[in-house]
Amino acid sequence: MTLSIIRKGIQAVNGSFSTEIGVTLSELVEEYIKSITMEKFRSDQQALGKIVKELKGSITLPKVSRACKEFLQDALVEKYLKGGD
């Protein structure tokens, strides 16, 4: 990855500032990119959470009958235990 940074900015960070805080320029850039990415991720998650809360309860699914559950169970037994296709 190539970054365009003003030479004075690089010199300032590589000089006393990075020595003072004990972090290299590469580490600073990496942490900055991580923070931006995490902010975007949190924002997306919050928006998704809001949508899910709004939709909660808007759909009522039919209850699965006992016969349907038994049919599914029999099909799975046939497939995995008896070697059916």
N, C-alpha and C. Protein backbone atom coordinates (compact mmCIF):
# COMPACT_ATOMS: atom_id res chain seq x y z
N MET A 1 0.85 -1.16 0.00
CA MET A 1 0.00 0.00 0.00
C MET A 1 0.90 1.23 0.00
N THR A 2 0.54 2.21 -0.77
CA THR A 2 1.31 3.45 -0.85
C THR A 2 0.48 4.58 -0.29
N LEU A 3 1.09 5.34 0.62
CA LEU A 3 0.42 6.50 1.21
C LEU A 3 1.16 7.76 0.81
N SER A 4 0.41 8.79 0.53
CA SER A 4 1.01 10.09 0.24
C SER A 4 0.87 10.95 1.49
N ILE A 5 1.99 11.26 2.10
CA ILE A 5 2.00 12.06 3.32
C ILE A 5 3.04 13.17 3.14
N ILE A 6 2.70 14.34 3.61
CA ILE A 6 3.64 15.46 3.51
C ILE A 6 4.91 15.12 4.27
N ARG A 7 6.04 15.43 3.64
CA ARG A 7 7.34 15.09 4.22
C ARG A 7 7.51 15.64 5.64
N LYS A 8 7.04 16.86 5.89
CA LYS A 8 7.17 17.44 7.23
C LYS A 8 6.38 16.62 8.25
N GLY A 9 5.24 16.09 7.83
CA GLY A 9 4.44 15.25 8.72
C GLY A 9 5.16 13.97 9.08
N ILE A 10 5.78 13.37 8.09
CA ILE A 10 6.54 12.14 8.34
C ILE A 10 7.71 12.42 9.27
N GLN A 11 8.42 13.50 9.02
CA GLN A 11 9.57 13.84 9.86
C GLN A 11 9.14 14.12 11.30
N ALA A 12 8.02 14.80 11.47
CA ALA A 12 7.54 15.11 12.81
C ALA A 12 7.19 13.84 13.57
N VAL A 13 6.50 12.91 12.89
CA VAL A 13 6.10 11.68 13.56
C VAL A 13 7.31 10.81 13.82
N ASN A 14 8.20 10.70 12.86
CA ASN A 14 9.38 9.87 13.04
C ASN A 14 10.36 10.46 14.04
N GLY A 15 10.24 11.73 14.28
CA GLY A 15 11.17 12.39 15.20
C GLY A 15 10.74 12.23 16.65
N SER A 16 10.60 13.34 17.31
CA SER A 16 10.35 13.34 18.75
C SER A 16 8.99 12.76 19.12
N PHE A 17 7.99 12.96 18.27
CA PHE A 17 6.64 12.49 18.60
C PHE A 17 6.60 10.98 18.76
N SER A 18 7.15 10.25 17.78
CA SER A 18 7.12 8.80 17.87
C SER A 18 7.99 8.29 19.00
N THR A 19 9.08 8.97 19.27
CA THR A 19 9.94 8.59 20.39
C THR A 19 9.22 8.83 21.70
N GLU A 20 8.51 9.94 21.78
CA GLU A 20 7.79 10.31 23.00
C GLU A 20 6.68 9.31 23.34
N ILE A 21 5.94 8.88 22.33
CA ILE A 21 4.83 7.96 22.61
C ILE A 21 5.22 6.50 22.37
N GLY A 22 6.37 6.27 21.82
CA GLY A 22 6.86 4.91 21.63
C GLY A 22 6.15 4.13 20.54
N VAL A 23 5.73 4.83 19.48
CA VAL A 23 5.00 4.18 18.39
C VAL A 23 5.59 4.64 17.06
N THR A 24 5.75 3.71 16.14
CA THR A 24 6.28 4.08 14.82
C THR A 24 5.17 4.65 13.96
N LEU A 25 5.56 5.28 12.87
CA LEU A 25 4.60 5.84 11.93
C LEU A 25 3.72 4.73 11.35
N SER A 26 4.30 3.61 11.03
CA SER A 26 3.54 2.47 10.50
C SER A 26 2.47 2.02 11.50
N GLU A 27 2.84 1.96 12.76
CA GLU A 27 1.89 1.55 13.79
C GLU A 27 0.76 2.57 13.93
N LEU A 28 1.09 3.85 13.85
CA LEU A 28 0.07 4.90 13.93
C LEU A 28 -0.93 4.78 12.78
N VAL A 29 -0.42 4.60 11.58
CA VAL A 29 -1.28 4.48 10.40
C VAL A 29 -2.15 3.23 10.52
N GLU A 30 -1.54 2.13 10.94
CA GLU A 30 -2.28 0.89 11.09
C GLU A 30 -3.42 1.03 12.11
N GLU A 31 -3.13 1.63 13.26
CA GLU A 31 -4.15 1.82 14.29
C GLU A 31 -5.25 2.77 13.81
N TYR A 32 -4.87 3.78 13.06
CA TYR A 32 -5.86 4.72 12.53
C TYR A 32 -6.82 4.00 11.57
N ILE A 33 -6.26 3.19 10.68
CA ILE A 33 -7.08 2.44 9.73
C ILE A 33 -7.99 1.46 10.47
N LYS A 34 -7.47 0.80 11.49
CA LYS A 34 -8.29 -0.11 12.28
C LYS A 34 -9.46 0.63 12.94
N SER A 35 -9.17 1.81 13.48
CA SER A 35 -10.22 2.56 14.17
C SER A 35 -11.31 3.01 13.20
N ILE A 36 -10.92 3.42 12.00
CA ILE A 36 -11.91 3.81 10.99
C ILE A 36 -12.77 2.62 10.61
N THR A 37 -12.13 1.49 10.40
CA THR A 37 -12.84 0.27 10.01
C THR A 37 -13.81 -0.15 11.10
N MET A 38 -13.38 -0.11 12.36
CA MET A 38 -14.24 -0.53 13.47
C MET A 38 -15.41 0.43 13.64
N GLU A 39 -15.20 1.72 13.43
CA GLU A 39 -16.29 2.69 13.53
C GLU A 39 -17.36 2.37 12.48
N LYS A 40 -16.93 2.08 11.26
CA LYS A 40 -17.86 1.74 10.18
C LYS A 40 -18.60 0.45 10.52
N PHE A 41 -17.88 -0.54 11.04
CA PHE A 41 -18.50 -1.82 11.40
C PHE A 41 -19.54 -1.62 12.49
N ARG A 42 -19.20 -0.84 13.54
CA ARG A 42 -20.14 -0.58 14.63
C ARG A 42 -21.37 0.16 14.13
N SER A 43 -21.16 1.11 13.26
CA SER A 43 -22.26 1.88 12.69
C SER A 43 -23.20 0.96 11.90
N ASP A 44 -22.62 0.08 11.08
CA ASP A 44 -23.41 -0.86 10.30
C ASP A 44 -24.18 -1.81 11.22
N GLN A 45 -23.52 -2.28 12.28
CA GLN A 45 -24.16 -3.20 13.22
C GLN A 45 -25.33 -2.52 13.93
N GLN A 46 -25.15 -1.26 14.32
CA GLN A 46 -26.22 -0.53 15.00
C GLN A 46 -27.41 -0.35 14.07
N ALA A 47 -27.15 -0.02 12.82
CA ALA A 47 -28.23 0.16 11.85
C ALA A 47 -28.96 -1.16 11.63
N LEU A 48 -28.22 -2.24 11.51
CA LEU A 48 -28.82 -3.55 11.33
C LEU A 48 -29.64 -3.94 12.54
N GLY A 49 -29.12 -3.68 13.74
CA GLY A 49 -29.85 -3.98 14.97
C GLY A 49 -31.16 -3.23 15.04
N LYS A 50 -31.16 -1.99 14.60
CA LYS A 50 -32.38 -1.18 14.61
C LYS A 50 -33.42 -1.77 13.66
N ILE A 51 -32.97 -2.18 12.49
CA ILE A 51 -33.87 -2.77 11.49
C ILE A 51 -34.46 -4.08 12.03
N VAL A 52 -33.62 -4.90 12.64
CA VAL A 52 -34.09 -6.18 13.18
C VAL A 52 -35.11 -5.94 14.28
N LYS A 53 -34.87 -4.98 15.15
CA LYS A 53 -35.83 -4.66 16.21
C LYS A 53 -37.16 -4.21 15.64
N GLU A 54 -37.11 -3.41 14.57
CA GLU A 54 -38.34 -2.93 13.95
C GLU A 54 -39.12 -4.07 13.31
N LEU A 55 -38.42 -5.06 12.76
CA LEU A 55 -39.08 -6.17 12.08
C LEU A 55 -39.51 -7.30 13.02
N LYS A 56 -38.98 -7.31 14.22
CA LYS A 56 -39.28 -8.39 15.17
C LYS A 56 -40.79 -8.49 15.39
N GLY A 57 -41.30 -9.70 15.21
CA GLY A 57 -42.72 -9.94 15.43
C GLY A 57 -43.60 -9.61 14.24
N SER A 58 -43.03 -9.14 13.16
CA SER A 58 -43.85 -8.76 12.00
C SER A 58 -44.28 -9.97 11.17
N ILE A 59 -43.63 -11.10 11.38
CA ILE A 59 -43.99 -12.31 10.65
C ILE A 59 -44.35 -13.41 11.65
N THR A 60 -45.47 -14.04 11.41
CA THR A 60 -45.87 -15.17 12.24
C THR A 60 -45.79 -16.43 11.39
N LEU A 61 -44.90 -17.33 11.79
CA LEU A 61 -44.72 -18.57 11.05
C LEU A 61 -45.68 -19.62 11.58
N PRO A 62 -46.16 -20.51 10.71
CA PRO A 62 -47.05 -21.57 11.18
C PRO A 62 -46.28 -22.55 12.06
N LYS A 63 -46.99 -23.14 13.01
CA LYS A 63 -46.36 -24.14 13.86
C LYS A 63 -46.18 -25.41 13.06
N VAL A 64 -45.07 -26.08 13.30
CA VAL A 64 -44.79 -27.33 12.61
C VAL A 64 -45.51 -28.45 13.34
N SER A 65 -46.27 -29.21 12.60
CA SER A 65 -47.04 -30.29 13.23
C SER A 65 -46.12 -31.44 13.63
N ARG A 66 -46.62 -32.23 14.54
CA ARG A 66 -45.86 -33.40 15.00
C ARG A 66 -45.59 -34.34 13.83
N ALA A 67 -46.56 -34.51 12.95
CA ALA A 67 -46.39 -35.41 11.80
C ALA A 67 -45.25 -34.92 10.90
N CYS A 68 -45.16 -33.61 10.74
CA CYS A 68 -44.10 -33.04 9.91
C CYS A 68 -42.73 -33.28 10.55
N LYS A 69 -42.67 -33.10 11.88
CA LYS A 69 -41.41 -33.34 12.60
C LYS A 69 -41.00 -34.79 12.49
N GLU A 70 -41.96 -35.69 12.62
CA GLU A 70 -41.68 -37.12 12.51
C GLU A 70 -41.22 -37.48 11.10
N PHE A 71 -41.85 -36.90 10.11
CA PHE A 71 -41.46 -37.13 8.72
C PHE A 71 -40.01 -36.68 8.50
N LEU A 72 -39.67 -35.49 8.99
CA LEU A 72 -38.32 -34.98 8.85
C LEU A 72 -37.32 -35.88 9.58
N GLN A 73 -37.67 -36.30 10.79
CA GLN A 73 -36.80 -37.17 11.56
C GLN A 73 -36.57 -38.48 10.81
N ASP A 74 -37.64 -39.08 10.28
CA ASP A 74 -37.52 -40.33 9.52
C ASP A 74 -36.63 -40.14 8.30
N ALA A 75 -36.79 -39.02 7.61
CA ALA A 75 -35.98 -38.76 6.41
C ALA A 75 -34.50 -38.62 6.77
N LEU A 76 -34.22 -37.97 7.89
CA LEU A 76 -32.82 -37.80 8.32
C LEU A 76 -32.21 -39.14 8.75
N VAL A 77 -32.99 -39.95 9.44
CA VAL A 77 -32.51 -41.28 9.84
C VAL A 77 -32.21 -42.10 8.59
N GLU A 78 -33.12 -42.05 7.64
CA GLU A 78 -32.92 -42.78 6.39
C GLU A 78 -31.66 -42.31 5.67
N LYS A 79 -31.49 -41.02 5.62
CA LYS A 79 -30.34 -40.46 4.90
C LYS A 79 -29.01 -40.79 5.57
N TYR A 80 -28.93 -40.57 6.88
CA TYR A 80 -27.63 -40.66 7.56
C TYR A 80 -27.33 -42.01 8.20
N LEU A 81 -28.34 -42.74 8.62
CA LEU A 81 -28.09 -43.99 9.32
C LEU A 81 -28.28 -45.21 8.44
N LYS A 82 -29.14 -45.13 7.48
CA LYS A 82 -29.40 -46.27 6.64
C LYS A 82 -28.73 -46.15 5.27
N GLY A 83 -28.05 -45.03 5.07
CA GLY A 83 -27.30 -44.86 3.82
C GLY A 83 -28.14 -44.53 2.62
N GLY A 84 -29.30 -43.95 2.84
CA GLY A 84 -30.16 -43.59 1.70
C GLY A 84 -29.62 -42.38 0.97
N ASP A 85 -30.06 -42.17 -0.25
CA ASP A 85 -29.62 -41.03 -1.05
C ASP A 85 -30.54 -39.88 -0.90
